[in-house]
C-alpha atoms as a PDB file:
ATOM      1  CA  MET A   1      -1.971 -17.957 -25.845  1.00  0.00           C
ATOM      2  CA  GLY A   2      -1.026 -14.636 -24.069  1.00  0.00           C
ATOM      3  CA  ILE A   3       1.705 -12.439 -24.307  1.00  0.00           C
ATOM      4  CA  LEU A   4       4.755 -12.636 -22.380  1.00  0.00           C
ATOM      5  CA  VAL A   5       5.558  -9.149 -20.492  1.00  0.00           C
ATOM      6  CA  PRO A   6       9.124  -9.323 -18.993  1.00  0.00           C
ATOM      7  CA  LYS A   7       9.812  -9.088 -16.142  1.00  0.00           C
ATOM      8  CA  MET A   8      11.656  -6.081 -13.914  1.00  0.00           C
ATOM      9  CA  GLU A   9      13.342  -5.746 -11.117  1.00  0.00           C
ATOM     10  CA  LEU A  10      12.206  -5.652  -8.247  1.00  0.00           C
ATOM     11  CA  ASP A  11      14.730  -2.027  -7.457  1.00  0.00           C
ATOM     12  CA  ALA A  12      13.553  -0.769 -10.920  1.00  0.00           C
ATOM     13  CA  PHE A  13       9.542  -1.499 -10.335  1.00  0.00           C
ATOM     14  CA  LEU A  14       9.440   0.073  -6.694  1.00  0.00           C
ATOM     15  CA  ASP A  15      11.356   3.002  -8.189  1.00  0.00           C
ATOM     16  CA  SER A  16       8.649   3.118 -11.025  1.00  0.00           C
ATOM     17  CA  TRP A  17       5.567   2.676  -8.881  1.00  0.00           C
ATOM     18  CA  LEU A  18       6.256   4.858  -5.652  1.00  0.00           C
ATOM     19  CA  ALA A  19       6.719   7.611  -8.176  1.00  0.00           C
ATOM     20  CA  ARG A  20       3.023   6.787 -10.249  1.00  0.00           C
ATOM     21  CA  ALA A  21       1.250   5.808  -6.972  1.00  0.00           C
ATOM     22  CA  PRO A  22       0.268   9.730  -6.457  1.00  0.00           C
ATOM     23  CA  ALA A  23      -1.362  10.007  -9.399  1.00  0.00           C
ATOM     24  CA  LEU A  24      -2.670   6.703  -9.571  1.00  0.00           C
ATOM     25  CA  ALA A  25      -3.888   7.143  -6.260  1.00  0.00           C
ATOM     26  CA  HIS A  26      -5.533  10.630  -7.389  1.00  0.00           C
ATOM     27  CA  ARG A  27      -7.032   8.633  -9.974  1.00  0.00           C
ATOM     28  CA  LEU A  28      -8.381   5.730  -7.821  1.00  0.00           C
ATOM     29  CA  SER A  29     -10.590   8.359  -5.590  1.00  0.00           C
ATOM     30  CA  THR A  30     -11.944  10.782  -7.857  1.00  0.00           C
ATOM     31  CA  ASP A  31     -15.207  10.439  -9.855  1.00  0.00           C
ATOM     32  CA  ARG A  32     -15.157  10.508 -13.613  1.00  0.00           C
ATOM     33  CA  ARG A  33     -15.432  14.270 -13.588  1.00  0.00           C
ATOM     34  CA  GLY A  34     -12.272  14.588 -10.915  1.00  0.00           C
ATOM     35  CA  ARG A  35     -14.364  14.735  -7.335  1.00  0.00           C
ATOM     36  CA  PRO A  36     -13.169  13.308  -4.246  1.00  0.00           C
ATOM     37  CA  LEU A  37     -15.023  10.503  -3.625  1.00  0.00           C
ATOM     38  CA  PRO A  38     -16.958  10.768   0.130  1.00  0.00           C
ATOM     39  CA  LYS A  39     -14.653   9.759   2.277  1.00  0.00           C
ATOM     40  CA  ARG A  40     -16.544   7.042   4.996  1.00  0.00           C
ATOM     41  CA  TRP A  41     -16.032   7.145   8.692  1.00  0.00           C
ATOM     42  CA  ALA A  42     -13.660   4.176   8.241  1.00  0.00           C
ATOM     43  CA  PHE A  43     -10.892   6.610   6.602  1.00  0.00           C
ATOM     44  CA  TYR A  44     -10.613   8.604   9.721  1.00  0.00           C
ATOM     45  CA  ARG A  45     -10.631   5.937  12.046  1.00  0.00           C
ATOM     46  CA  LEU A  46      -7.824   4.424   9.713  1.00  0.00           C
ATOM     47  CA  ARG A  47      -5.764   7.662   9.382  1.00  0.00           C
ATOM     48  CA  ARG A  48      -6.148   8.203  13.479  1.00  0.00           C
ATOM     49  CA  LEU A  49      -4.235   5.064  13.855  1.00  0.00           C
ATOM     50  CA  ALA A  50      -1.581   5.716  11.059  1.00  0.00           C
ATOM     51  CA  GLU A  51      -0.916   9.273  12.166  1.00  0.00           C
ATOM     52  CA  ALA A  52      -0.970   7.696  15.995  1.00  0.00           C
ATOM     53  CA  HIS A  53       1.639   4.961  15.001  1.00  0.00           C
ATOM     54  CA  MET A  54       3.549   7.962  12.954  1.00  0.00           C
ATOM     55  CA  ARG A  55       3.854   9.838  16.206  1.00  0.00           C
ATOM     56  CA  GLU A  56       4.085   7.360  19.169  1.00  0.00           C
ATOM     57  CA  ARG A  57       4.773   4.273  17.856  1.00  0.00           C
ATOM     58  CA  THR A  58       1.421   2.760  18.806  1.00  0.00           C
ATOM     59  CA  GLU A  59      -0.667  -0.360  17.938  1.00  0.00           C
ATOM     60  CA  PRO A  60      -1.923  -1.894  15.978  1.00  0.00           C
ATOM     61  CA  ARG A  61       0.759  -2.475  13.720  1.00  0.00           C
ATOM     62  CA  VAL A  62      -0.956  -4.267  10.999  1.00  0.00           C
ATOM     63  CA  ILE A  63      -4.666  -3.692   9.923  1.00  0.00           C
ATOM     64  CA  LEU A  64      -6.703  -6.094   7.623  1.00  0.00           C
ATOM     65  CA  VAL A  65      -9.258  -4.367   5.582  1.00  0.00           C
ATOM     66  CA  PRO A  66     -11.683  -7.560   3.987  1.00  0.00           C
ATOM     67  CA  GLY A  67     -14.498  -7.027   2.275  1.00  0.00           C
ATOM     68  CA  LEU A  68     -16.209  -7.599  -0.737  1.00  0.00           C
ATOM     69  CA  ARG A  69     -15.175  -6.784  -4.184  1.00  0.00           C
ATOM     70  CA  GLY A  70     -16.245  -3.203  -5.563  1.00  0.00           C
ATOM     71  CA  VAL A  71     -16.923  -2.465  -1.752  1.00  0.00           C
ATOM     72  CA  GLY A  72     -14.324   0.395  -2.038  1.00  0.00           C
ATOM     73  CA  LYS A  73     -11.531  -0.826  -0.203  1.00  0.00           C
ATOM     74  CA  THR A  74      -8.960   0.322  -3.203  1.00  0.00           C
ATOM     75  CA  THR A  75     -10.643   3.770  -2.591  1.00  0.00           C
ATOM     76  CA  LEU A  76     -10.248   3.762   1.032  1.00  0.00           C
ATOM     77  CA  LEU A  77      -6.471   3.110   0.974  1.00  0.00           C
ATOM     78  CA  CYS A  78      -5.975   5.738  -1.775  1.00  0.00           C
ATOM     79  CA  GLN A  79      -7.771   8.133   0.116  1.00  0.00           C
ATOM     80  CA  LEU A  80      -5.401   7.444   3.178  1.00  0.00           C
ATOM     81  CA  PHE A  81      -2.425   7.245   0.786  1.00  0.00           C
ATOM     82  CA  LEU A  82      -3.212  10.609  -0.567  1.00  0.00           C
ATOM     83  CA  SER A  83      -3.840  12.016   3.365  1.00  0.00           C
ATOM     84  CA  LEU A  84      -1.070  10.854   4.796  1.00  0.00           C
ATOM     85  CA  TYR A  85       1.388  11.872   1.365  1.00  0.00           C
ATOM     86  CA  ALA A  86       0.195  15.334   1.384  1.00  0.00           C
ATOM     87  CA  LYS A  87       1.343  15.646   5.118  1.00  0.00           C
ATOM     88  CA  ASP A  88       4.632  14.464   3.922  1.00  0.00           C
ATOM     89  CA  LEU A  89       4.409  11.485   5.977  1.00  0.00           C
ATOM     90  CA  PRO A  90       6.607   8.177   4.992  1.00  0.00           C
ATOM     91  CA  VAL A  91       3.651   6.490   3.004  1.00  0.00           C
ATOM     92  CA  PHE A  92       3.801   3.584   0.360  1.00  0.00           C
ATOM     93  CA  TYR A  93       1.146   2.461  -1.418  1.00  0.00           C
ATOM     94  CA  LEU A  94       1.662  -1.079  -3.448  1.00  0.00           C
ATOM     95  CA  PRO A  95      -1.031  -2.920  -5.444  1.00  0.00           C
ATOM     96  CA  VAL A  96       0.562  -6.478  -4.896  1.00  0.00           C
ATOM     97  CA  ASP A  97      -1.103  -7.955  -8.115  1.00  0.00           C
ATOM     98  CA  ARG A  98       0.778  -5.406 -10.203  1.00  0.00           C
ATOM     99  CA  LEU A  99       4.599  -6.762  -8.315  1.00  0.00           C
ATOM    100  CA  TYR A 100       3.000  -9.901  -8.880  1.00  0.00           C
ATOM    101  CA  ARG A 101       2.596  -9.300 -12.737  1.00  0.00           C
ATOM    102  CA  SER A 102       5.470  -6.761 -13.065  1.00  0.00           C
ATOM    103  CA  VAL A 103       8.222  -8.673 -11.447  1.00  0.00           C
ATOM    104  CA  GLY A 104       6.653 -12.061  -9.060  1.00  0.00           C
ATOM    105  CA  PRO A 105       6.259 -13.347  -5.802  1.00  0.00           C
ATOM    106  CA  VAL A 106       8.082 -10.795  -4.314  1.00  0.00           C
ATOM    107  CA  LEU A 107       6.208  -9.581  -1.759  1.00  0.00           C
ATOM    108  CA  LEU A 108       8.382 -10.053   1.405  1.00  0.00           C
ATOM    109  CA  GLU A 109      11.542  -8.627  -0.277  1.00  0.00           C
ATOM    110  CA  ALA A 110       9.467  -5.597  -1.760  1.00  0.00           C
ATOM    111  CA  LEU A 111       8.349  -4.931   2.678  1.00  0.00           C
ATOM    112  CA  GLU A 112      11.897  -5.485   2.497  1.00  0.00           C
ATOM    113  CA  LYS A 113      13.124  -2.706   0.520  1.00  0.00           C
ATOM    114  CA  ILE A 114      10.610  -0.346   1.381  1.00  0.00           C
ATOM    115  CA  SER A 115      11.528  -0.803   5.175  1.00  0.00           C
ATOM    116  CA  SER A 116      15.006  -0.150   4.627  1.00  0.00           C
ATOM    117  CA  ARG A 117      13.933   2.968   2.299  1.00  0.00           C
ATOM    118  CA  VAL A 118      12.801   4.690   5.107  1.00  0.00           C
ATOM    119  CA  GLU A 119      14.404   4.776   8.924  1.00  0.00           C
ATOM    120  CA  GLY A 120      11.280   5.119  11.602  1.00  0.00           C
ATOM    121  CA  PRO A 121       7.728   4.426  11.280  1.00  0.00           C
ATOM    122  CA  LYS A 122       5.875   4.271   7.860  1.00  0.00           C
ATOM    123  CA  VAL A 123       2.938   3.325   6.689  1.00  0.00           C
ATOM    124  CA  ILE A 124       2.788   0.598   4.032  1.00  0.00           C
ATOM    125  CA  LEU A 125      -0.625   0.362   2.453  1.00  0.00           C
ATOM    126  CA  LEU A 126      -0.983  -2.801   0.442  1.00  0.00           C
ATOM    127  CA  ASP A 127      -3.510  -3.368  -1.901  1.00  0.00           C
ATOM    128  CA  GLU A 128      -4.519  -6.866  -3.959  1.00  0.00           C
ATOM    129  CA  VAL A 129      -2.636  -8.524  -1.286  1.00  0.00           C
ATOM    130  CA  THR A 130      -4.920 -12.139  -1.774  1.00  0.00           C
ATOM    131  CA  HIS A 131      -3.077 -12.127  -5.187  1.00  0.00           C
ATOM    132  CA  HIS A 132      -0.060 -13.562  -3.379  1.00  0.00           C
ATOM    133  CA  ARG A 133      -0.009 -16.958  -2.553  1.00  0.00           C
ATOM    134  CA  ASP A 134       1.467 -17.095   0.864  1.00  0.00           C
ATOM    135  CA  TRP A 135       0.507 -12.782   1.563  1.00  0.00           C
ATOM    136  CA  ALA A 136      -0.278 -13.947   5.233  1.00  0.00           C
ATOM    137  CA  GLY A 137       3.331 -15.384   5.736  1.00  0.00           C
ATOM    138  CA  ASP A 138       5.390 -13.142   4.217  1.00  0.00           C
ATOM    139  CA  LEU A 139       3.728 -10.121   6.495  1.00  0.00           C
ATOM    140  CA  LYS A 140       4.274 -12.053   9.332  1.00  0.00           C
ATOM    141  CA  LEU A 141       7.945 -12.012   8.525  1.00  0.00           C
ATOM    142  CA  ALA A 142       7.863  -8.433   7.493  1.00  0.00           C
ATOM    143  CA  TYR A 143       6.155  -7.235  10.416  1.00  0.00           C
ATOM    144  CA  ASP A 144       9.297  -9.362  12.763  1.00  0.00           C
ATOM    145  CA  TYR A 145      11.588  -8.264  10.546  1.00  0.00           C
ATOM    146  CA  ASP A 146      10.752  -4.260  10.682  1.00  0.00           C
ATOM    147  CA  PRO A 147       9.600  -3.048  14.392  1.00  0.00           C
ATOM    148  CA  ASP A 148       8.571   0.138  13.176  1.00  0.00           C
END
C-alpha cells in the first residue's frame, strides 16, 4: 500500500510551484554538467508565436506539442519558459501530473486562477497534460473563459 500524501490547497500549490518553476525549468533544460541543451527549430518557432501573441494578441492561442516519450517535449517547454521568463513576460510552466498528485483533478480551476493573476496576454505551458482525464474539455473551457 502506498503512502498517502495530504492534498494541498490549489492556491498554496500554485504559489509554491510558480516560485520553484524557474529553478526546475533550468534543471530540466541543461545537461548533467549544467550546460544548456541545444535548442531545436521548434523552440524558435514557438518563441516567435508566443512573443507575437504577447505583443499583438495573435492566433493561435493554443498550441499542442505531441510526441513520444523522451523526444524532448519537457525540455522544449522549459527552454521556452526560461526564454520568455528572462524577458519578464507573463509566462507560467505547470506540470499537470504534479498538480494532479498534489491537489487533484483541478486543471480548469488552476488555469482560471493563473489567468486571474495576470491581465492581458500570457503564456501558460502545460506539461504532462494527458495525466488529467478531461484535459481537452478543460482547455476548451479555459480558452473560452480567458480571451488572452
